[in-house]
Amino acid sequence: MRKVRALIAVGTLVTGLTVVASATPAQADTLRNVYFTASYCYQYGSYGVQNGLWTSYHCDLTNGYWFLWSNP
């Protein structure tokens, strides 16, 4: 009976690891640059989308600086 329990435990562990290993990670935002003004951030973000550098972007104001984040 111990062998059966051990085999079940190992099988469950291997199955769980297989599911976790095969999961694809979500695409994270990438920091592209930091700007002093919002207009520069949005202009360069739009330029990146128009020229195929990234698919989407957003600008965040943090401590007086504009951070340009994009999705590949």
PDB file of N, CA and C in Angstrom:
ATOM      1  N   MET A   1       0.816  -1.186   0.000  1.00  0.00           N
ATOM      2  CA  MET A   1       0.000   0.000   0.000  1.00  0.00           C
ATOM      3  C   MET A   1       0.864   1.257   0.000  1.00  0.00           C
ATOM      4  N   ARG A   2       2.025   1.214   0.671  1.00  0.00           N
ATOM      5  CA  ARG A   2       2.915   2.371   0.703  1.00  0.00           C
ATOM      6  C   ARG A   2       3.422   2.718  -0.692  1.00  0.00           C
ATOM      7  N   LYS A   3       3.706   1.687  -1.489  1.00  0.00           N
ATOM      8  CA  LYS A   3       4.205   1.918  -2.841  1.00  0.00           C
ATOM      9  C   LYS A   3       3.151   2.612  -3.698  1.00  0.00           C
ATOM     10  N   VAL A   4       1.897   2.208  -3.528  1.00  0.00           N
ATOM     11  CA  VAL A   4       0.819   2.817  -4.295  1.00  0.00           C
ATOM     12  C   VAL A   4       0.675   4.285  -3.911  1.00  0.00           C
ATOM     13  N   ARG A   5       0.712   4.572  -2.618  1.00  0.00           N
ATOM     14  CA  ARG A   5       0.615   5.959  -2.159  1.00  0.00           C
ATOM     15  C   ARG A   5       1.797   6.786  -2.664  1.00  0.00           C
ATOM     16  N   ALA A   6       2.968   6.210  -2.638  1.00  0.00           N
ATOM     17  CA  ALA A   6       4.165   6.918  -3.110  1.00  0.00           C
ATOM     18  C   ALA A   6       4.055   7.206  -4.601  1.00  0.00           C
ATOM     19  N   LEU A   7       3.572   6.224  -5.377  1.00  0.00           N
ATOM     20  CA  LEU A   7       3.404   6.438  -6.810  1.00  0.00           C
ATOM     21  C   LEU A   7       2.351   7.502  -7.102  1.00  0.00           C
ATOM     22  N   ILE A   8       1.274   7.501  -6.337  1.00  0.00           N
ATOM     23  CA  ILE A   8       0.237   8.516  -6.525  1.00  0.00           C
ATOM     24  C   ILE A   8       0.784   9.902  -6.185  1.00  0.00           C
ATOM     25  N   ALA A   9       1.546   9.997  -5.105  1.00  0.00           N
ATOM     26  CA  ALA A   9       2.114  11.289  -4.708  1.00  0.00           C
ATOM     27  C   ALA A   9       3.093  11.800  -5.764  1.00  0.00           C
ATOM     28  N   VAL A  10       3.939  10.936  -6.271  1.00  0.00           N
ATOM     29  CA  VAL A  10       4.908  11.332  -7.297  1.00  0.00           C
ATOM     30  C   VAL A  10       4.181  11.714  -8.589  1.00  0.00           C
ATOM     31  N   GLY A  11       3.184  10.948  -8.965  1.00  0.00           N
ATOM     32  CA  GLY A  11       2.418  11.254 -10.173  1.00  0.00           C
ATOM     33  C   GLY A  11       1.716  12.599 -10.071  1.00  0.00           C
ATOM     34  N   THR A  12       1.152  12.881  -8.924  1.00  0.00           N
ATOM     35  CA  THR A  12       0.481  14.162  -8.713  1.00  0.00           C
ATOM     36  C   THR A  12       1.483  15.312  -8.784  1.00  0.00           C
ATOM     37  N   LEU A  13       2.639  15.135  -8.190  1.00  0.00           N
ATOM     38  CA  LEU A  13       3.669  16.162  -8.214  1.00  0.00           C
ATOM     39  C   LEU A  13       4.155  16.424  -9.636  1.00  0.00           C
ATOM     40  N   VAL A  14       4.404  15.371 -10.392  1.00  0.00           N
ATOM     41  CA  VAL A  14       4.880  15.519 -11.767  1.00  0.00           C
ATOM     42  C   VAL A  14       3.815  16.187 -12.630  1.00  0.00           C
ATOM     43  N   THR A  15       2.558  15.809 -12.444  1.00  0.00           N
ATOM     44  CA  THR A  15       1.477  16.419 -13.208  1.00  0.00           C
ATOM     45  C   THR A  15       1.365  17.903 -12.886  1.00  0.00           C
ATOM     46  N   GLY A  16       1.473  18.267 -11.624  1.00  0.00           N
ATOM     47  CA  GLY A  16       1.414  19.671 -11.223  1.00  0.00           C
ATOM     48  C   GLY A  16       2.565  20.473 -11.791  1.00  0.00           C
ATOM     49  N   LEU A  17       3.764  19.903 -11.768  1.00  0.00           N
ATOM     50  CA  LEU A  17       4.922  20.596 -12.327  1.00  0.00           C
ATOM     51  C   LEU A  17       4.798  20.765 -13.836  1.00  0.00           C
ATOM     52  N   THR A  18       4.228  19.788 -14.497  1.00  0.00           N
ATOM     53  CA  THR A  18       4.040  19.875 -15.948  1.00  0.00           C
ATOM     54  C   THR A  18       3.084  21.002 -16.302  1.00  0.00           C
ATOM     55  N   VAL A  19       2.008  21.138 -15.551  1.00  0.00           N
ATOM     56  CA  VAL A  19       1.036  22.201 -15.808  1.00  0.00           C
ATOM     57  C   VAL A  19       1.675  23.561 -15.565  1.00  0.00           C
ATOM     58  N   VAL A  20       2.436  23.707 -14.494  1.00  0.00           N
ATOM     59  CA  VAL A  20       3.071  24.983 -14.184  1.00  0.00           C
ATOM     60  C   VAL A  20       4.140  25.318 -15.220  1.00  0.00           C
ATOM     61  N   ALA A  21       4.926  24.349 -15.636  1.00  0.00           N
ATOM     62  CA  ALA A  21       6.005  24.594 -16.591  1.00  0.00           C
ATOM     63  C   ALA A  21       5.479  24.935 -17.978  1.00  0.00           C
ATOM     64  N   SER A  22       4.322  24.430 -18.345  1.00  0.00           N
ATOM     65  CA  SER A  22       3.800  24.678 -19.686  1.00  0.00           C
ATOM     66  C   SER A  22       2.976  25.961 -19.774  1.00  0.00           C
ATOM     67  N   ALA A  23       2.691  26.595 -18.647  1.00  0.00           N
ATOM     68  CA  ALA A  23       1.919  27.835 -18.670  1.00  0.00           C
ATOM     69  C   ALA A  23       2.779  28.958 -19.228  1.00  0.00           C
ATOM     70  N   THR A  24       2.199  29.756 -20.110  1.00  0.00           N
ATOM     71  CA  THR A  24       2.944  30.868 -20.690  1.00  0.00           C
ATOM     72  C   THR A  24       2.790  32.092 -19.801  1.00  0.00           C
ATOM     73  N   PRO A  25       3.864  32.821 -19.581  1.00  0.00           N
ATOM     74  CA  PRO A  25       3.769  33.997 -18.724  1.00  0.00           C
ATOM     75  C   PRO A  25       3.027  35.131 -19.428  1.00  0.00           C
ATOM     76  N   ALA A  26       2.364  35.942 -18.657  1.00  0.00           N
ATOM     77  CA  ALA A  26       1.685  37.106 -19.220  1.00  0.00           C
ATOM     78  C   ALA A  26       2.736  38.108 -19.683  1.00  0.00           C
ATOM     79  N   GLN A  27       2.410  38.839 -20.719  1.00  0.00           N
ATOM     80  CA  GLN A  27       3.356  39.825 -21.213  1.00  0.00           C
ATOM     81  C   GLN A  27       3.351  41.031 -20.284  1.00  0.00           C
ATOM     82  N   ALA A  28       4.500  41.317 -19.748  1.00  0.00           N
ATOM     83  CA  ALA A  28       4.621  42.426 -18.820  1.00  0.00           C
ATOM     84  C   ALA A  28       4.944  43.714 -19.565  1.00  0.00           C
ATOM     85  N   ASP A  29       4.571  44.825 -18.963  1.00  0.00           N
ATOM     86  CA  ASP A  29       4.923  46.114 -19.523  1.00  0.00           C
ATOM     87  C   ASP A  29       6.433  46.316 -19.428  1.00  0.00           C
ATOM     88  N   THR A  30       6.972  47.038 -20.385  1.00  0.00           N
ATOM     89  CA  THR A  30       8.397  47.323 -20.436  1.00  0.00           C
ATOM     90  C   THR A  30       8.594  48.829 -20.331  1.00  0.00           C
ATOM     91  N   LEU A  31       9.469  49.244 -19.439  1.00  0.00           N
ATOM     92  CA  LEU A  31       9.785  50.660 -19.315  1.00  0.00           C
ATOM     93  C   LEU A  31      10.641  51.071 -20.496  1.00  0.00           C
ATOM     94  N   ARG A  32      10.187  52.060 -21.261  1.00  0.00           N
ATOM     95  CA  ARG A  32      10.903  52.498 -22.454  1.00  0.00           C
ATOM     96  C   ARG A  32      11.740  53.740 -22.209  1.00  0.00           C
ATOM     97  N   ASN A  33      11.194  54.701 -21.454  1.00  0.00           N
ATOM     98  CA  ASN A  33      11.938  55.928 -21.203  1.00  0.00           C
ATOM     99  C   ASN A  33      11.236  56.738 -20.121  1.00  0.00           C
ATOM    100  N   VAL A  34      11.908  57.792 -19.663  1.00  0.00           N
ATOM    101  CA  VAL A  34      11.357  58.703 -18.667  1.00  0.00           C
ATOM    102  C   VAL A  34      11.457  60.113 -19.239  1.00  0.00           C
ATOM    103  N   TYR A  35      10.378  60.888 -19.106  1.00  0.00           N
ATOM    104  CA  TYR A  35      10.312  62.225 -19.685  1.00  0.00           C
ATOM    105  C   TYR A  35       9.939  63.252 -18.633  1.00  0.00           C
ATOM    106  N   PHE A  36      10.264  64.529 -18.919  1.00  0.00           N
ATOM    107  CA  PHE A  36       9.896  65.622 -18.032  1.00  0.00           C
ATOM    108  C   PHE A  36       8.483  66.118 -18.294  1.00  0.00           C
ATOM    109  N   THR A  37       7.982  65.944 -19.525  1.00  0.00           N
ATOM    110  CA  THR A  37       6.646  66.435 -19.875  1.00  0.00           C
ATOM    111  C   THR A  37       5.791  65.312 -20.454  1.00  0.00           C
ATOM    112  N   ALA A  38       4.490  65.469 -20.276  1.00  0.00           N
ATOM    113  CA  ALA A  38       3.546  64.470 -20.784  1.00  0.00           C
ATOM    114  C   ALA A  38       3.543  64.431 -22.303  1.00  0.00           C
ATOM    115  N   SER A  39       3.704  65.589 -22.939  1.00  0.00           N
ATOM    116  CA  SER A  39       3.621  65.625 -24.403  1.00  0.00           C
ATOM    117  C   SER A  39       4.715  64.772 -25.044  1.00  0.00           C
ATOM    118  N   TYR A  40       5.922  64.831 -24.518  1.00  0.00           N
ATOM    119  CA  TYR A  40       6.998  63.998 -25.072  1.00  0.00           C
ATOM    120  C   TYR A  40       6.709  62.511 -24.863  1.00  0.00           C
ATOM    121  N   CYS A  41       6.181  62.172 -23.707  1.00  0.00           N
ATOM    122  CA  CYS A  41       5.871  60.771 -23.415  1.00  0.00           C
ATOM    123  C   CYS A  41       4.834  60.236 -24.400  1.00  0.00           C
ATOM    124  N   TYR A  42       3.752  60.981 -24.591  1.00  0.00           N
ATOM    125  CA  TYR A  42       2.693  60.524 -25.491  1.00  0.00           C
ATOM    126  C   TYR A  42       3.121  60.556 -26.958  1.00  0.00           C
ATOM    127  N   GLN A  43       3.933  61.542 -27.324  1.00  0.00           N
ATOM    128  CA  GLN A  43       4.417  61.595 -28.702  1.00  0.00           C
ATOM    129  C   GLN A  43       5.284  60.381 -29.030  1.00  0.00           C
ATOM    130  N   TYR A  44       6.214  60.049 -28.147  1.00  0.00           N
ATOM    131  CA  TYR A  44       7.082  58.909 -28.424  1.00  0.00           C
ATOM    132  C   TYR A  44       6.324  57.587 -28.318  1.00  0.00           C
ATOM    133  N   GLY A  45       5.356  57.507 -27.410  1.00  0.00           N
ATOM    134  CA  GLY A  45       4.537  56.304 -27.318  1.00  0.00           C
ATOM    135  C   GLY A  45       3.755  56.070 -28.600  1.00  0.00           C
ATOM    136  N   SER A  46       3.171  57.137 -29.136  1.00  0.00           N
ATOM    137  CA  SER A  46       2.438  57.046 -30.397  1.00  0.00           C
ATOM    138  C   SER A  46       3.370  56.693 -31.551  1.00  0.00           C
ATOM    139  N   TYR A  47       4.553  57.286 -31.552  1.00  0.00           N
ATOM    140  CA  TYR A  47       5.552  56.980 -32.584  1.00  0.00           C
ATOM    141  C   TYR A  47       5.900  55.481 -32.568  1.00  0.00           C
ATOM    142  N   GLY A  48       6.067  54.910 -31.383  1.00  0.00           N
ATOM    143  CA  GLY A  48       6.389  53.490 -31.271  1.00  0.00           C
ATOM    144  C   GLY A  48       5.305  52.589 -31.818  1.00  0.00           C
ATOM    145  N   VAL A  49       4.042  52.946 -31.572  1.00  0.00           N
ATOM    146  CA  VAL A  49       2.921  52.147 -32.098  1.00  0.00           C
ATOM    147  C   VAL A  49       2.864  52.263 -33.621  1.00  0.00           C
ATOM    148  N   GLN A  50       2.997  53.474 -34.136  1.00  0.00           N
ATOM    149  CA  GLN A  50       2.908  53.698 -35.579  1.00  0.00           C
ATOM    150  C   GLN A  50       4.022  53.004 -36.351  1.00  0.00           C
ATOM    151  N   ASN A  51       5.192  52.863 -35.740  1.00  0.00           N
ATOM    152  CA  ASN A  51       6.334  52.260 -36.419  1.00  0.00           C
ATOM    153  C   ASN A  51       6.580  50.807 -36.018  1.00  0.00           C
ATOM    154  N   GLY A  52       5.625  50.195 -35.313  1.00  0.00           N
ATOM    155  CA  GLY A  52       5.713  48.774 -34.989  1.00  0.00           C
ATOM    156  C   GLY A  52       6.727  48.415 -33.918  1.00  0.00           C
ATOM    157  N   LEU A  53       7.143  49.384 -33.106  1.00  0.00           N
ATOM    158  CA  LEU A  53       8.085  49.080 -32.030  1.00  0.00           C
ATOM    159  C   LEU A  53       7.406  48.369 -30.866  1.00  0.00           C
ATOM    160  N   TRP A  54       6.112  48.667 -30.643  1.00  0.00           N
ATOM    161  CA  TRP A  54       5.299  48.002 -29.636  1.00  0.00           C
ATOM    162  C   TRP A  54       3.840  48.120 -30.030  1.00  0.00           C
ATOM    163  N   THR A  55       2.989  47.325 -29.385  1.00  0.00           N
ATOM    164  CA  THR A  55       1.576  47.280 -29.770  1.00  0.00           C
ATOM    165  C   THR A  55       0.723  48.285 -29.013  1.00  0.00           C
ATOM    166  N   SER A  56       1.101  48.603 -27.784  1.00  0.00           N
ATOM    167  CA  SER A  56       0.354  49.581 -27.003  1.00  0.00           C
ATOM    168  C   SER A  56       1.290  50.216 -25.983  1.00  0.00           C
ATOM    169  N   TYR A  57       0.851  51.325 -25.414  1.00  0.00           N
ATOM    170  CA  TYR A  57       1.675  52.024 -24.435  1.00  0.00           C
ATOM    171  C   TYR A  57       0.788  52.796 -23.478  1.00  0.00           C
ATOM    172  N   HIS A  58       1.374  53.237 -22.367  1.00  0.00           N
ATOM    173  CA  HIS A  58       0.715  54.185 -21.476  1.00  0.00           C
ATOM    174  C   HIS A  58       1.786  54.974 -20.734  1.00  0.00           C
ATOM    175  N   CYS A  59       1.431  56.199 -20.380  1.00  0.00           N
ATOM    176  CA  CYS A  59       2.347  57.092 -19.673  1.00  0.00           C
ATOM    177  C   CYS A  59       1.823  57.295 -18.251  1.00  0.00           C
ATOM    178  N   ASP A  60       2.712  57.165 -17.278  1.00  0.00           N
ATOM    179  CA  ASP A  60       2.350  57.347 -15.872  1.00  0.00           C
ATOM    180  C   ASP A  60       3.174  58.473 -15.266  1.00  0.00           C
ATOM    181  N   LEU A  61       2.509  59.344 -14.518  1.00  0.00           N
ATOM    182  CA  LEU A  61       3.184  60.424 -13.808  1.00  0.00           C
ATOM    183  C   LEU A  61       3.567  59.935 -12.418  1.00  0.00           C
ATOM    184  N   THR A  62       4.869  59.953 -12.124  1.00  0.00           N
ATOM    185  CA  THR A  62       5.365  59.523 -10.821  1.00  0.00           C
ATOM    186  C   THR A  62       6.462  60.480 -10.381  1.00  0.00           C
ATOM    187  N   ASN A  63       6.258  61.122  -9.245  1.00  0.00           N
ATOM    188  CA  ASN A  63       7.237  62.055  -8.671  1.00  0.00           C
ATOM    189  C   ASN A  63       7.682  63.126  -9.657  1.00  0.00           C
ATOM    190  N   GLY A  64       6.768  63.621 -10.462  1.00  0.00           N
ATOM    191  CA  GLY A  64       7.070  64.699 -11.385  1.00  0.00           C
ATOM    192  C   GLY A  64       7.676  64.260 -12.709  1.00  0.00           C
ATOM    193  N   TYR A  65       7.854  62.966 -12.925  1.00  0.00           N
ATOM    194  CA  TYR A  65       8.401  62.447 -14.174  1.00  0.00           C
ATOM    195  C   TYR A  65       7.367  61.572 -14.866  1.00  0.00           C
ATOM    196  N   TRP A  66       7.411  61.566 -16.191  1.00  0.00           N
ATOM    197  CA  TRP A  66       6.503  60.745 -16.987  1.00  0.00           C
ATOM    198  C   TRP A  66       7.227  59.488 -17.444  1.00  0.00           C
ATOM    199  N   PHE A  67       6.697  58.333 -17.069  1.00  0.00           N
ATOM    200  CA  PHE A  67       7.279  57.037 -17.416  1.00  0.00           C
ATOM    201  C   PHE A  67       6.496  56.437 -18.571  1.00  0.00           C
ATOM    202  N   LEU A  68       7.189  56.095 -19.642  1.00  0.00           N
ATOM    203  CA  LEU A  68       6.561  55.478 -20.806  1.00  0.00           C
ATOM    204  C   LEU A  68       6.699  53.961 -20.685  1.00  0.00           C
ATOM    205  N   TRP A  69       5.564  53.289 -20.593  1.00  0.00           N
ATOM    206  CA  TRP A  69       5.507  51.824 -20.511  1.00  0.00           C
ATOM    207  C   TRP A  69       4.879  51.307 -21.786  1.00  0.00           C
ATOM    208  N   SER A  70       5.387  50.195 -22.314  1.00  0.00           N
ATOM    209  CA  SER A  70       4.816  49.630 -23.535  1.00  0.00           C
ATOM    210  C   SER A  70       4.681  48.123 -23.413  1.00  0.00           C
ATOM    211  N   ASN A  71       3.838  47.574 -24.281  1.00  0.00           N
ATOM    212  CA  ASN A  71       3.680  46.118 -24.419  1.00  0.00           C
ATOM    213  C   ASN A  71       4.310  45.704 -25.732  1.00  0.00           C
ATOM    214  N   PRO A  72       5.179  44.692 -25.688  1.00  0.00           N
ATOM    215  CA  PRO A  72       5.857  44.270 -26.937  1.00  0.00           C
ATOM    216  C   PRO A  72       4.904  43.707 -27.963  1.00  0.00           C
TER     217      PRO A  72
END
